[in-house]
Amino acid sequence: MNFIYGINTVAEALKARGRAFEWVGVAKERNDLRLQKVIEECRKNGIAVRFLPRPELDQMAGSGAHQGIVAVTSSKQYSDLDDVISGKRGAHSLIVILDGVEDPHNLGAILRTADAAGADGVVIPERRAAGVTGTVAKVSAGASEHLPIAKVTNISRTIEELKSKDFWSVGLDERGGQAYDSVDYNMNCAIVLGAEGKGLHDLVKKKCDLLVSIPMLGNVPSLNVSVAAGIVLFEVVRQRLKKSK
């Protein structure tokens, strides 16, 4: 069985209609308006609701951070790369490529930021990387349910494929030759982010058209990957909004 949990996560999964719901468990002692709205939505969609003791929900979620609601659902349905490309949301495409992000909390935070920045989708590798688990869905505040996510076998080949479709790939690297905000992002682009502590693989770096860095003024040489993603993605947003005015 696959579990997702948290009020926002379950509510957004119901809206997105990307998962099949078996049933939803709700804590017996919870009785608030936000939770009641989700219960009503479940019943409207013919989804069974079971009222359970909190320890049982803790066990299902593997965590006590479920806010009194856990849903038994199908797994996240991943997209094809072509679907992500064809889902262009603005004048220029924006795709986020993750080169082996393993921490589910980082992945969830990046998915939330990518959705907020209007990205067309996110690409992750099939192996040696986090997938969309219940924890990822919860940290993303339900963004994982709306955002197309493609799993690919090889990140380097994916960058090559995107180049053939008129994309520029911009890799974030602490030794990048230019500042992240010196690039004109008014183009079809893929922002490529590396794994925690390791950064981009050497072959992935070579495939990127540009390598950029975020200036660091303190003693720590790099940022958490989810924070770095937010900085670069919202520079893309800033530039594109400025040009559209």
Protein backbone atom coordinates (compact mmCIF):
# COMPACT_ATOMS: atom_id res chain seq x y z
CA MET A 1 0.00 0.00 0.00
CA ASN A 2 1.07 3.58 -0.67
CA PHE A 3 0.40 6.28 1.93
CA ILE A 4 0.25 10.05 1.61
CA TYR A 5 -0.47 12.23 4.60
CA GLY A 6 -1.09 15.79 5.75
CA ILE A 7 -4.13 18.00 5.12
CA ASN A 8 -2.67 19.96 2.18
CA THR A 9 -1.16 16.87 0.60
CA VAL A 10 -4.38 14.86 0.62
CA ALA A 11 -6.47 17.86 -0.45
CA GLU A 12 -4.18 18.61 -3.41
CA ALA A 13 -4.08 14.94 -4.43
CA LEU A 14 -7.88 14.95 -4.53
CA LYS A 15 -7.87 18.08 -6.71
CA ALA A 16 -5.17 16.79 -9.06
CA ARG A 17 -6.95 13.44 -9.62
CA GLY A 18 -3.63 11.81 -10.41
CA ARG A 19 -3.98 8.99 -7.88
CA ALA A 20 -6.55 6.30 -7.17
CA PHE A 21 -7.74 6.48 -3.56
CA GLU A 22 -8.61 3.27 -1.68
CA TRP A 23 -9.65 4.97 1.55
CA VAL A 24 -8.72 7.80 3.89
CA GLY A 25 -8.01 7.47 7.60
CA VAL A 26 -8.82 10.35 9.94
CA ALA A 27 -7.90 10.74 13.61
CA LYS A 28 -10.92 10.21 15.85
CA GLU A 29 -10.03 13.18 18.05
CA ARG A 30 -9.54 15.72 15.21
CA ASN A 31 -12.53 17.89 14.43
CA ASP A 32 -11.56 21.14 12.70
CA LEU A 33 -12.79 22.99 9.63
CA ARG A 34 -9.83 22.26 7.31
CA LEU A 35 -10.01 18.55 7.98
CA GLN A 36 -13.78 18.54 7.64
CA LYS A 37 -13.49 20.05 4.15
CA VAL A 38 -11.19 17.21 3.07
CA ILE A 39 -13.60 14.63 4.52
CA GLU A 40 -16.47 16.22 2.58
CA GLU A 41 -14.40 16.15 -0.62
CA CYS A 42 -13.64 12.46 -0.07
CA ARG A 43 -17.31 11.63 0.37
CA LYS A 44 -18.22 13.70 -2.69
CA ASN A 45 -15.80 11.54 -4.70
CA GLY A 46 -17.06 8.27 -3.24
CA ILE A 47 -13.91 7.63 -1.18
CA ALA A 48 -14.41 5.76 2.08
CA VAL A 49 -13.37 7.60 5.27
CA ARG A 50 -12.36 5.62 8.36
CA PHE A 51 -11.98 7.19 11.80
CA LEU A 52 -8.94 5.68 13.51
CA PRO A 53 -6.90 6.14 16.69
CA ARG A 54 -3.88 8.39 16.21
CA PRO A 55 -1.29 5.61 16.93
CA GLU A 56 -2.66 3.66 13.95
CA LEU A 57 -2.25 6.71 11.71
CA ASP A 58 1.28 7.21 13.08
CA GLN A 59 2.12 3.67 12.03
CA MET A 60 0.63 4.10 8.56
CA ALA A 61 2.48 7.34 7.90
CA GLY A 62 5.69 6.25 9.61
CA SER A 63 5.58 9.64 11.30
CA GLY A 64 3.49 11.68 13.72
CA ALA A 65 3.44 14.63 11.30
CA HIS A 66 0.28 13.57 9.45
CA GLN A 67 -2.04 16.28 10.89
CA GLY A 68 -4.65 13.64 11.61
CA ILE A 69 -5.15 12.36 8.04
CA VAL A 70 -3.55 9.53 6.03
CA ALA A 71 -4.73 8.35 2.61
CA VAL A 72 -4.17 4.91 1.09
CA THR A 73 -3.57 5.57 -2.60
CA SER A 74 -1.89 4.35 -5.76
CA SER A 75 1.72 5.42 -6.35
CA LYS A 76 2.65 8.72 -7.96
CA GLN A 77 2.25 8.47 -11.73
CA TYR A 78 5.43 9.72 -13.37
CA SER A 79 5.41 11.54 -16.71
CA ASP A 80 7.45 11.02 -19.86
CA LEU A 81 10.02 13.67 -20.75
CA ASP A 82 8.00 14.52 -23.86
CA ASP A 83 4.97 15.21 -21.68
CA VAL A 84 7.00 17.61 -19.54
CA ILE A 85 8.29 19.42 -22.63
CA SER A 86 4.84 19.67 -24.20
CA GLY A 87 3.38 21.09 -20.97
CA LYS A 88 4.95 24.50 -21.55
CA ARG A 89 3.27 27.04 -19.27
CA GLY A 90 4.74 30.34 -20.50
CA ALA A 91 6.48 32.03 -23.41
CA HIS A 92 9.61 30.02 -22.63
CA SER A 93 9.97 26.53 -21.19
CA LEU A 94 11.43 25.97 -17.73
CA ILE A 95 12.43 22.48 -16.58
CA VAL A 96 14.29 21.53 -13.40
CA ILE A 97 16.72 18.60 -13.65
CA LEU A 98 17.95 16.96 -10.43
CA ASP A 99 21.21 15.05 -10.72
CA GLY A 100 20.79 12.57 -7.87
CA VAL A 101 19.06 14.44 -5.01
CA GLU A 102 18.66 11.74 -2.35
CA ASP A 103 17.10 13.52 0.63
CA PRO A 104 13.27 13.35 0.43
CA HIS A 105 12.97 16.63 2.34
CA ASN A 106 15.15 18.39 -0.24
CA LEU A 107 13.19 16.86 -3.11
CA GLY A 108 9.89 17.91 -1.55
CA ALA A 109 11.12 21.47 -0.99
CA ILE A 110 12.41 21.70 -4.59
CA LEU A 111 9.11 20.42 -6.00
CA ARG A 112 7.21 23.04 -3.99
CA THR A 113 9.53 25.80 -5.24
CA ALA A 114 9.47 24.56 -8.84
CA ASP A 115 5.68 24.61 -8.84
CA ALA A 116 5.60 28.10 -7.31
CA ALA A 117 8.07 29.32 -9.96
CA GLY A 118 5.85 28.03 -12.77
CA ALA A 119 8.22 25.29 -13.92
CA ASP A 120 6.83 22.96 -16.58
CA GLY A 121 8.13 19.92 -14.71
CA VAL A 122 10.99 18.22 -12.91
CA VAL A 123 13.29 15.45 -14.13
CA ILE A 124 14.83 12.94 -11.71
CA PRO A 125 16.96 9.83 -12.31
CA GLU A 126 15.50 6.36 -11.87
CA ARG A 127 18.34 5.19 -9.62
CA ARG A 128 20.33 6.60 -6.72
CA ALA A 129 17.85 9.38 -6.09
CA ALA A 130 14.74 10.06 -4.04
CA GLY A 131 11.36 9.36 -5.60
CA VAL A 132 7.98 10.81 -4.67
CA THR A 133 7.22 9.17 -1.34
CA GLY A 134 4.66 10.19 1.27
CA THR A 135 7.35 12.30 2.96
CA VAL A 136 8.17 14.08 -0.30
CA ALA A 137 4.47 14.75 -0.97
CA LYS A 138 4.04 16.16 2.56
CA VAL A 139 7.12 18.43 2.39
CA SER A 140 6.03 19.68 -1.04
CA ALA A 141 2.67 20.72 0.51
CA GLY A 142 0.91 18.84 -2.28
CA ALA A 143 2.88 20.42 -5.15
CA SER A 144 4.09 16.93 -6.09
CA GLU A 145 0.51 16.04 -7.03
CA HIS A 146 0.25 18.79 -9.66
CA LEU A 147 3.77 19.03 -11.08
CA PRO A 148 4.76 16.66 -13.91
CA ILE A 149 7.78 14.61 -12.80
CA ALA A 150 9.71 12.50 -15.27
CA LYS A 151 12.01 9.64 -14.31
CA VAL A 152 14.88 9.06 -16.75
CA THR A 153 17.64 6.46 -16.96
CA ASN A 154 20.46 8.89 -17.76
CA ILE A 155 20.66 12.60 -16.89
CA SER A 156 23.46 13.35 -19.38
CA ARG A 157 21.49 11.87 -22.28
CA THR A 158 18.41 13.77 -21.16
CA ILE A 159 20.34 17.06 -21.35
CA GLU A 160 21.47 16.12 -24.87
CA GLU A 161 17.88 15.35 -25.84
CA LEU A 162 16.72 18.71 -24.52
CA LYS A 163 19.48 20.48 -26.48
CA SER A 164 18.13 18.88 -29.65
CA LYS A 165 14.76 20.47 -28.79
CA ASP A 166 16.16 24.00 -28.47
CA PHE A 167 16.79 24.02 -24.71
CA TRP A 168 19.76 25.61 -22.97
CA SER A 169 20.99 23.76 -19.90
CA VAL A 170 22.24 25.86 -16.98
CA GLY A 171 24.08 23.88 -14.30
CA LEU A 172 24.52 25.23 -10.79
CA ASP A 173 28.05 24.64 -9.52
CA GLU A 174 29.99 26.42 -6.77
CA ARG A 175 32.93 26.76 -9.19
CA GLY A 176 30.74 28.01 -12.04
CA GLY A 177 32.37 30.64 -14.19
CA GLN A 178 29.61 33.24 -14.01
CA ALA A 179 27.07 34.47 -11.49
CA TYR A 180 23.61 32.92 -11.71
CA ASP A 181 21.96 36.33 -12.26
CA SER A 182 24.20 37.26 -15.21
CA VAL A 183 22.41 34.80 -17.51
CA ASP A 184 19.42 35.88 -19.62
CA TYR A 185 16.78 33.25 -18.83
CA ASN A 186 14.37 34.43 -21.49
CA MET A 187 14.93 31.22 -23.43
CA ASN A 188 13.84 27.60 -23.17
CA CYS A 189 16.03 26.40 -20.34
CA ALA A 190 16.70 23.54 -17.96
CA ILE A 191 18.13 24.36 -14.53
CA VAL A 192 20.39 21.48 -13.48
CA LEU A 193 21.04 20.89 -9.76
CA GLY A 194 23.40 18.38 -8.19
CA ALA A 195 23.20 16.03 -5.23
CA GLU A 196 23.68 17.04 -1.61
CA GLY A 197 27.36 17.43 -0.80
CA LYS A 198 28.46 16.05 -4.18
CA GLY A 199 27.15 18.56 -6.67
CA LEU A 200 26.87 17.75 -10.36
CA HIS A 201 28.54 14.67 -11.78
CA ASP A 202 31.49 15.51 -14.05
CA LEU A 203 29.79 14.21 -17.20
CA VAL A 204 26.64 16.20 -16.41
CA LYS A 205 28.76 19.35 -15.97
CA LYS A 206 30.32 18.81 -19.40
CA LYS A 207 26.91 18.47 -21.00
CA CYS A 208 25.63 21.76 -19.54
CA ASP A 209 25.80 24.80 -21.82
CA LEU A 210 26.52 27.11 -18.88
CA LEU A 211 27.79 26.62 -15.34
CA VAL A 212 26.75 29.31 -12.89
CA SER A 213 27.38 29.95 -9.20
CA ILE A 214 25.73 31.80 -6.34
CA PRO A 215 28.16 34.26 -4.67
CA MET A 216 28.94 33.13 -1.11
CA LEU A 217 30.04 35.87 1.29
CA GLY A 218 30.35 33.84 4.49
CA ASN A 219 32.51 30.96 5.66
CA VAL A 220 30.33 28.15 4.32
CA PRO A 221 31.17 27.41 0.66
CA SER A 222 27.74 26.26 -0.53
CA LEU A 223 23.98 26.29 0.12
CA ASN A 224 21.49 23.51 0.67
CA VAL A 225 20.32 22.37 -2.77
CA SER A 226 16.68 23.29 -2.11
CA VAL A 227 17.67 26.83 -1.07
CA ALA A 228 19.91 27.19 -4.13
CA ALA A 229 17.05 25.99 -6.33
CA GLY A 230 14.79 28.71 -4.94
CA ILE A 231 17.34 31.46 -5.56
CA VAL A 232 17.95 30.51 -9.19
CA LEU A 233 14.34 29.68 -10.10
CA PHE A 234 13.04 32.97 -8.80
CA GLU A 235 15.74 34.84 -10.69
CA VAL A 236 14.25 33.19 -13.79
CA VAL A 237 10.79 34.34 -12.64
CA ARG A 238 12.04 37.90 -11.98
CA GLN A 239 13.62 38.26 -15.41
CA ARG A 240 10.65 36.81 -17.27
CA LEU A 241 8.13 38.97 -15.42
CA LYS A 242 10.24 42.07 -16.07
CA LYS A 243 10.39 41.33 -19.80
CA SER A 244 6.65 40.68 -20.04
CA LYS A 245 5.77 44.15 -18.66
